């Protein structure tokens, strides 16, 4: 098996809700004129999950991947599907990004804003092996692994790589997200699930889904 570097995303404490870098929770940084996404099924405002600075993967890249998911009626709005309208992902070019007005509602913002530290795990057999090895080497709990940046997705079920709606080509994998370091404040990916964020760089489109 080909061994590679897996970049783990490690919980690094609290951070400001409008921090500019990669983080989970908080308030999204968006361009002027941005309309907060609403669920296609229940018409309620979605919850902001995370933003990923694309330059963390490729220094020549630009912008933020921002991920939203409906939590108004968990499990009833097909929020796990990349195309059903229960979640949204955006690529925002860097520049004049600022926090938007946040809609009212108890489920619009995550319960915690978490900073992310990157730990490259070399000679890796993949994400699952890398995070288990990190737990053993660091002595920290496995839940402190918030996911992985780039590389190859570790699917819990089967490969569901989305197709770009603009060019019809497979999207590129950006980030895998765990539910969080604390089950009281974590995301709802069905209980033990993972989220997967993708983008199409030429078309500036993005997609999100989760598996359990």
C-alpha atoms as a PDB file:
ATOM      1  CA  UNK A   1       0.000   0.000   0.000  1.00  0.00           C
ATOM      2  CA  UNK A   2       1.229   3.494  -0.866  1.00  0.00           C
ATOM      3  CA  UNK A   3       2.190   5.367   2.301  1.00  0.00           C
ATOM      4  CA  UNK A   4       1.695   9.108   2.416  1.00  0.00           C
ATOM      5  CA  UNK A   5       1.361  12.169   4.636  1.00  0.00           C
ATOM      6  CA  UNK A   6      -2.019  12.625   6.316  1.00  0.00           C
ATOM      7  CA  UNK A   7      -2.626  16.127   7.685  1.00  0.00           C
ATOM      8  CA  UNK A   8      -4.713  15.828  10.834  1.00  0.00           C
ATOM      9  CA  UNK A   9      -6.807  18.718  12.112  1.00  0.00           C
ATOM     10  CA  UNK A  10      -6.398  18.887  15.888  1.00  0.00           C
ATOM     11  CA  UNK A  11      -8.563  20.762  18.370  1.00  0.00           C
ATOM     12  CA  UNK A  12      -6.544  23.778  19.528  1.00  0.00           C
ATOM     13  CA  UNK A  13      -8.837  25.433  22.040  1.00  0.00           C
ATOM     14  CA  UNK A  14     -11.325  28.231  21.610  1.00  0.00           C
ATOM     15  CA  UNK A  15     -10.877  31.015  19.094  1.00  0.00           C
ATOM     16  CA  UNK A  16     -12.657  34.215  18.119  1.00  0.00           C
ATOM     17  CA  UNK A  17     -15.978  33.605  16.322  1.00  0.00           C
ATOM     18  CA  UNK A  18     -14.773  35.726  13.391  1.00  0.00           C
ATOM     19  CA  UNK A  19     -11.202  34.370  13.179  1.00  0.00           C
ATOM     20  CA  UNK A  20      -9.879  34.482   9.627  1.00  0.00           C
ATOM     21  CA  UNK A  21      -8.290  31.043   9.388  1.00  0.00           C
ATOM     22  CA  UNK A  22      -9.539  27.489   9.343  1.00  0.00           C
ATOM     23  CA  UNK A  23     -11.931  26.834  12.222  1.00  0.00           C
ATOM     24  CA  UNK A  24     -15.125  25.067  13.159  1.00  0.00           C
ATOM     25  CA  UNK A  25     -18.095  27.056  14.380  1.00  0.00           C
ATOM     26  CA  UNK A  26     -18.283  30.797  14.848  1.00  0.00           C
ATOM     27  CA  UNK A  27     -19.626  33.168  12.222  1.00  0.00           C
ATOM     28  CA  UNK A  28     -18.765  32.812   8.525  1.00  0.00           C
ATOM     29  CA  UNK A  29     -16.674  35.397   6.723  1.00  0.00           C
ATOM     30  CA  UNK A  30     -18.491  36.212   3.502  1.00  0.00           C
ATOM     31  CA  UNK A  31     -18.424  38.707   0.619  1.00  0.00           C
ATOM     32  CA  UNK A  32     -20.758  41.686   0.453  1.00  0.00           C
ATOM     33  CA  UNK A  33     -24.275  40.814  -0.635  1.00  0.00           C
ATOM     34  CA  UNK A  34     -24.152  37.264   0.703  1.00  0.00           C
ATOM     35  CA  UNK A  35     -27.531  35.781   1.574  1.00  0.00           C
ATOM     36  CA  UNK A  36     -27.514  33.291   4.433  1.00  0.00           C
ATOM     37  CA  UNK A  37     -28.509  29.913   2.949  1.00  0.00           C
ATOM     38  CA  UNK A  38     -31.872  28.378   3.776  1.00  0.00           C
ATOM     39  CA  UNK A  39     -32.879  24.747   3.552  1.00  0.00           C
ATOM     40  CA  UNK A  40     -34.722  23.790   0.364  1.00  0.00           C
ATOM     41  CA  UNK A  41     -37.014  21.488   2.334  1.00  0.00           C
ATOM     42  CA  UNK A  42     -37.978  23.398   5.509  1.00  0.00           C
ATOM     43  CA  UNK A  43     -37.091  26.963   4.403  1.00  0.00           C
ATOM     44  CA  UNK A  44     -35.238  27.564   7.678  1.00  0.00           C
ATOM     45  CA  UNK A  45     -31.769  29.129   7.916  1.00  0.00           C
ATOM     46  CA  UNK A  46     -28.932  26.621   7.926  1.00  0.00           C
ATOM     47  CA  UNK A  47     -26.294  26.190  10.615  1.00  0.00           C
ATOM     48  CA  UNK A  48     -22.759  27.360   9.839  1.00  0.00           C
ATOM     49  CA  UNK A  49     -20.351  24.483  10.464  1.00  0.00           C
ATOM     50  CA  UNK A  50     -16.834  25.434   9.426  1.00  0.00           C
ATOM     51  CA  UNK A  51     -14.544  27.386   7.150  1.00  0.00           C
ATOM     52  CA  UNK A  52     -11.319  26.076   5.628  1.00  0.00           C
ATOM     53  CA  UNK A  53      -8.601  28.345   4.274  1.00  0.00           C
ATOM     54  CA  UNK A  54      -7.775  26.798   0.917  1.00  0.00           C
ATOM     55  CA  UNK A  55      -4.244  28.168   1.085  1.00  0.00           C
ATOM     56  CA  UNK A  56      -3.627  25.692   3.921  1.00  0.00           C
ATOM     57  CA  UNK A  57      -3.712  22.967   1.256  1.00  0.00           C
ATOM     58  CA  UNK A  58      -1.978  24.850  -1.550  1.00  0.00           C
ATOM     59  CA  UNK A  59      -0.187  28.137  -0.863  1.00  0.00           C
ATOM     60  CA  UNK A  60      -0.991  29.226  -4.411  1.00  0.00           C
ATOM     61  CA  UNK A  61      -4.705  28.730  -3.795  1.00  0.00           C
ATOM     62  CA  UNK A  62      -7.066  31.423  -2.663  1.00  0.00           C
ATOM     63  CA  UNK A  63     -10.151  31.885  -0.555  1.00  0.00           C
ATOM     64  CA  UNK A  64     -12.283  29.989   1.925  1.00  0.00           C
ATOM     65  CA  UNK A  65     -14.454  26.918   1.733  1.00  0.00           C
ATOM     66  CA  UNK A  66     -17.494  27.551   3.946  1.00  0.00           C
ATOM     67  CA  UNK A  67     -19.947  24.822   4.931  1.00  0.00           C
ATOM     68  CA  UNK A  68     -23.552  25.111   6.125  1.00  0.00           C
ATOM     69  CA  UNK A  69     -26.085  22.428   7.079  1.00  0.00           C
ATOM     70  CA  UNK A  70     -29.751  22.474   8.097  1.00  0.00           C
ATOM     71  CA  UNK A  71     -30.368  21.652  11.751  1.00  0.00           C
ATOM     72  CA  UNK A  72     -33.948  22.871  12.035  1.00  0.00           C
ATOM     73  CA  UNK A  73     -35.410  19.359  11.951  1.00  0.00           C
ATOM     74  CA  UNK A  74     -32.396  17.044  12.184  1.00  0.00           C
ATOM     75  CA  UNK A  75     -32.787  13.948  10.048  1.00  0.00           C
ATOM     76  CA  UNK A  76     -35.870  15.213   8.226  1.00  0.00           C
ATOM     77  CA  UNK A  77     -34.306  17.485   5.613  1.00  0.00           C
ATOM     78  CA  UNK A  78     -31.790  15.171   3.880  1.00  0.00           C
ATOM     79  CA  UNK A  79     -28.938  17.303   5.220  1.00  0.00           C
ATOM     80  CA  UNK A  80     -26.508  14.431   4.587  1.00  0.00           C
ATOM     81  CA  UNK A  81     -26.948  14.557   0.813  1.00  0.00           C
ATOM     82  CA  UNK A  82     -24.756  16.692  -1.457  1.00  0.00           C
ATOM     83  CA  UNK A  83     -27.591  17.652  -3.812  1.00  0.00           C
ATOM     84  CA  UNK A  84     -30.885  17.455  -1.869  1.00  0.00           C
ATOM     85  CA  UNK A  85     -30.770  21.063  -0.637  1.00  0.00           C
ATOM     86  CA  UNK A  86     -30.277  20.346   3.075  1.00  0.00           C
ATOM     87  CA  UNK A  87     -26.737  21.721   3.111  1.00  0.00           C
ATOM     88  CA  UNK A  88     -24.633  24.202   1.156  1.00  0.00           C
ATOM     89  CA  UNK A  89     -20.943  24.784   0.571  1.00  0.00           C
ATOM     90  CA  UNK A  90     -19.354  27.883  -0.936  1.00  0.00           C
ATOM     91  CA  UNK A  91     -15.933  28.975  -2.135  1.00  0.00           C
ATOM     92  CA  UNK A  92     -15.378  32.618  -1.255  1.00  0.00           C
ATOM     93  CA  UNK A  93     -12.388  34.396  -2.833  1.00  0.00           C
ATOM     94  CA  UNK A  94     -10.141  36.071  -0.303  1.00  0.00           C
ATOM     95  CA  UNK A  95     -10.376  39.809  -0.033  1.00  0.00           C
ATOM     96  CA  UNK A  96     -13.137  41.877   1.491  1.00  0.00           C
ATOM     97  CA  UNK A  97     -14.757  39.185   3.625  1.00  0.00           C
ATOM     98  CA  UNK A  98     -16.682  40.078   6.768  1.00  0.00           C
ATOM     99  CA  UNK A  99     -19.199  38.522   9.164  1.00  0.00           C
ATOM    100  CA  UNK A 100     -22.776  38.839   7.884  1.00  0.00           C
ATOM    101  CA  UNK A 101     -25.945  39.533   9.805  1.00  0.00           C
ATOM    102  CA  UNK A 102     -26.845  36.274  11.520  1.00  0.00           C
ATOM    103  CA  UNK A 103     -30.458  35.076  11.266  1.00  0.00           C
ATOM    104  CA  UNK A 104     -32.341  34.453  14.471  1.00  0.00           C
ATOM    105  CA  UNK A 105     -32.701  30.919  15.748  1.00  0.00           C
ATOM    106  CA  UNK A 106     -31.097  28.530  18.193  1.00  0.00           C
ATOM    107  CA  UNK A 107     -29.627  26.246  15.523  1.00  0.00           C
ATOM    108  CA  UNK A 108     -27.991  28.804  13.217  1.00  0.00           C
ATOM    109  CA  UNK A 109     -24.596  28.882  14.955  1.00  0.00           C
ATOM    110  CA  UNK A 110     -22.665  25.947  16.379  1.00  0.00           C
ATOM    111  CA  UNK A 111     -22.368  25.752  20.151  1.00  0.00           C
ATOM    112  CA  UNK A 112     -18.586  26.255  20.103  1.00  0.00           C
ATOM    113  CA  UNK A 113     -15.896  27.896  17.991  1.00  0.00           C
ATOM    114  CA  UNK A 114     -12.752  25.775  17.797  1.00  0.00           C
ATOM    115  CA  UNK A 115      -9.292  26.649  16.557  1.00  0.00           C
ATOM    116  CA  UNK A 116      -7.477  24.076  14.433  1.00  0.00           C
ATOM    117  CA  UNK A 117      -3.835  23.008  14.542  1.00  0.00           C
ATOM    118  CA  UNK A 118      -2.363  20.878  11.757  1.00  0.00           C
ATOM    119  CA  UNK A 119      -0.289  17.796  12.523  1.00  0.00           C
ATOM    120  CA  UNK A 120       1.257  16.026   9.495  1.00  0.00           C
ATOM    121  CA  UNK A 121       1.448  12.274  10.080  1.00  0.00           C
ATOM    122  CA  UNK A 122       4.118  10.878   7.773  1.00  0.00           C
ATOM    123  CA  UNK A 123       4.317   7.330   6.449  1.00  0.00           C
ATOM    124  CA  UNK A 124       0.580   7.053   6.872  1.00  0.00           C
ATOM    125  CA  UNK A 125      -1.650   4.205   5.736  1.00  0.00           C
ATOM    126  CA  UNK A 126      -4.526   6.651   5.678  1.00  0.00           C
ATOM    127  CA  UNK A 127      -6.639   8.796   7.955  1.00  0.00           C
ATOM    128  CA  UNK A 128      -7.826   6.108  10.374  1.00  0.00           C
ATOM    129  CA  UNK A 129      -4.317   4.768  10.977  1.00  0.00           C
ATOM    130  CA  UNK A 130      -2.911   8.285  11.288  1.00  0.00           C
ATOM    131  CA  UNK A 131      -5.326   9.443  13.949  1.00  0.00           C
ATOM    132  CA  UNK A 132      -4.925   6.269  15.995  1.00  0.00           C
ATOM    133  CA  UNK A 133      -1.154   6.722  15.862  1.00  0.00           C
ATOM    134  CA  UNK A 134      -1.500  10.388  16.847  1.00  0.00           C
ATOM    135  CA  UNK A 135      -3.588   9.390  19.875  1.00  0.00           C
ATOM    136  CA  UNK A 136      -0.898   6.960  20.989  1.00  0.00           C
ATOM    137  CA  UNK A 137       1.949   9.421  20.459  1.00  0.00           C
ATOM    138  CA  UNK A 138       0.228  12.472  21.968  1.00  0.00           C
ATOM    139  CA  UNK A 139      -1.661  10.846  24.832  1.00  0.00           C
ATOM    140  CA  UNK A 140      -4.683  12.978  23.937  1.00  0.00           C
ATOM    141  CA  UNK A 141      -8.215  11.650  23.312  1.00  0.00           C
ATOM    142  CA  UNK A 142      -9.222  10.606  19.805  1.00  0.00           C
ATOM    143  CA  UNK A 143     -12.049  13.143  19.857  1.00  0.00           C
ATOM    144  CA  UNK A 144      -9.431  15.919  19.713  1.00  0.00           C
ATOM    145  CA  UNK A 145      -8.918  14.954  16.074  1.00  0.00           C
ATOM    146  CA  UNK A 146     -11.357  17.268  14.277  1.00  0.00           C
ATOM    147  CA  UNK A 147     -10.709  15.751  10.849  1.00  0.00           C
ATOM    148  CA  UNK A 148      -8.182  15.843   8.051  1.00  0.00           C
ATOM    149  CA  UNK A 149      -7.123  18.429   5.494  1.00  0.00           C
ATOM    150  CA  UNK A 150      -6.705  17.297   1.889  1.00  0.00           C
ATOM    151  CA  UNK A 151      -5.395  13.889   0.991  1.00  0.00           C
ATOM    152  CA  UNK A 152      -7.972  11.150   0.386  1.00  0.00           C
ATOM    153  CA  UNK A 153     -11.340  10.884   2.128  1.00  0.00           C
ATOM    154  CA  UNK A 154     -11.798   8.000   4.558  1.00  0.00           C
ATOM    155  CA  UNK A 155     -15.314   6.990   3.571  1.00  0.00           C
ATOM    156  CA  UNK A 156     -17.465   5.399   6.266  1.00  0.00           C
ATOM    157  CA  UNK A 157     -19.687   3.816   3.624  1.00  0.00           C
ATOM    158  CA  UNK A 158     -18.797   4.103  -0.066  1.00  0.00           C
ATOM    159  CA  UNK A 159     -17.234   6.682  -2.356  1.00  0.00           C
ATOM    160  CA  UNK A 160     -19.715   9.529  -2.858  1.00  0.00           C
ATOM    161  CA  UNK A 161     -17.402  12.074  -4.480  1.00  0.00           C
ATOM    162  CA  UNK A 162     -19.729  14.787  -5.838  1.00  0.00           C
ATOM    163  CA  UNK A 163     -19.796  15.863  -9.464  1.00  0.00           C
ATOM    164  CA  UNK A 164     -19.451  19.563 -10.232  1.00  0.00           C
ATOM    165  CA  UNK A 165     -22.813  20.889 -11.461  1.00  0.00           C
ATOM    166  CA  UNK A 166     -21.035  23.260 -13.847  1.00  0.00           C
ATOM    167  CA  UNK A 167     -18.490  21.028 -15.620  1.00  0.00           C
ATOM    168  CA  UNK A 168     -19.778  17.538 -14.679  1.00  0.00           C
ATOM    169  CA  UNK A 169     -16.308  16.431 -13.476  1.00  0.00           C
ATOM    170  CA  UNK A 170     -15.548  14.912 -10.050  1.00  0.00           C
ATOM    171  CA  UNK A 171     -14.815  17.519  -7.404  1.00  0.00           C
ATOM    172  CA  UNK A 172     -11.564  17.677  -5.428  1.00  0.00           C
ATOM    173  CA  UNK A 173     -11.544  16.630  -1.785  1.00  0.00           C
ATOM    174  CA  UNK A 174     -10.785  19.449   0.676  1.00  0.00           C
ATOM    175  CA  UNK A 175     -11.687  18.416   4.202  1.00  0.00           C
ATOM    176  CA  UNK A 176     -13.093  15.631   6.355  1.00  0.00           C
ATOM    177  CA  UNK A 177     -14.808  16.749   9.549  1.00  0.00           C
ATOM    178  CA  UNK A 178     -15.472  14.785  12.701  1.00  0.00           C
ATOM    179  CA  UNK A 179     -18.396  15.725  14.924  1.00  0.00           C
ATOM    180  CA  UNK A 180     -16.119  17.544  17.386  1.00  0.00           C
ATOM    181  CA  UNK A 181     -14.064  17.174  20.545  1.00  0.00           C
ATOM    182  CA  UNK A 182     -17.098  17.407  22.879  1.00  0.00           C
ATOM    183  CA  UNK A 183     -20.312  15.537  22.167  1.00  0.00           C
ATOM    184  CA  UNK A 184     -22.280  18.257  23.972  1.00  0.00           C
ATOM    185  CA  UNK A 185     -21.212  20.895  21.431  1.00  0.00           C
ATOM    186  CA  UNK A 186     -20.373  18.777  18.389  1.00  0.00           C
ATOM    187  CA  UNK A 187     -21.988  18.616  14.978  1.00  0.00           C
ATOM    188  CA  UNK A 188     -24.835  16.273  14.158  1.00  0.00           C
ATOM    189  CA  UNK A 189     -23.548  13.784  11.618  1.00  0.00           C
ATOM    190  CA  UNK A 190     -25.941  11.100  12.772  1.00  0.00           C
ATOM    191  CA  UNK A 191     -23.902  10.072  15.810  1.00  0.00           C
ATOM    192  CA  UNK A 192     -20.334   9.042  15.001  1.00  0.00           C
ATOM    193  CA  UNK A 193     -20.475  10.199  11.393  1.00  0.00           C
ATOM    194  CA  UNK A 194     -18.102  12.316   9.314  1.00  0.00           C
ATOM    195  CA  UNK A 195     -18.650  15.246   6.988  1.00  0.00           C
ATOM    196  CA  UNK A 196     -16.842  15.656   3.647  1.00  0.00           C
ATOM    197  CA  UNK A 197     -16.185  18.962   1.869  1.00  0.00           C
ATOM    198  CA  UNK A 198     -15.275  19.226  -1.826  1.00  0.00           C
ATOM    199  CA  UNK A 199     -14.667  21.939  -4.391  1.00  0.00           C
ATOM    200  CA  UNK A 200     -14.143  22.327  -8.144  1.00  0.00           C
ATOM    201  CA  UNK A 201     -11.302  24.795  -8.496  1.00  0.00           C
ATOM    202  CA  UNK A 202     -11.890  25.774 -12.163  1.00  0.00           C
ATOM    203  CA  UNK A 203     -15.616  26.380 -11.587  1.00  0.00           C
ATOM    204  CA  UNK A 204     -15.428  27.817  -8.022  1.00  0.00           C
ATOM    205  CA  UNK A 205     -18.192  25.454  -6.923  1.00  0.00           C
ATOM    206  CA  UNK A 206     -18.313  23.389  -3.732  1.00  0.00           C
ATOM    207  CA  UNK A 207     -20.290  20.564  -2.151  1.00  0.00           C
ATOM    208  CA  UNK A 208     -20.748  18.870   1.208  1.00  0.00           C
ATOM    209  CA  UNK A 209     -22.175  15.579   2.453  1.00  0.00           C
ATOM    210  CA  UNK A 210     -21.906  13.354   5.472  1.00  0.00           C
ATOM    211  CA  UNK A 211     -21.898   9.633   6.158  1.00  0.00           C
ATOM    212  CA  UNK A 212     -22.550   7.598   9.258  1.00  0.00           C
END
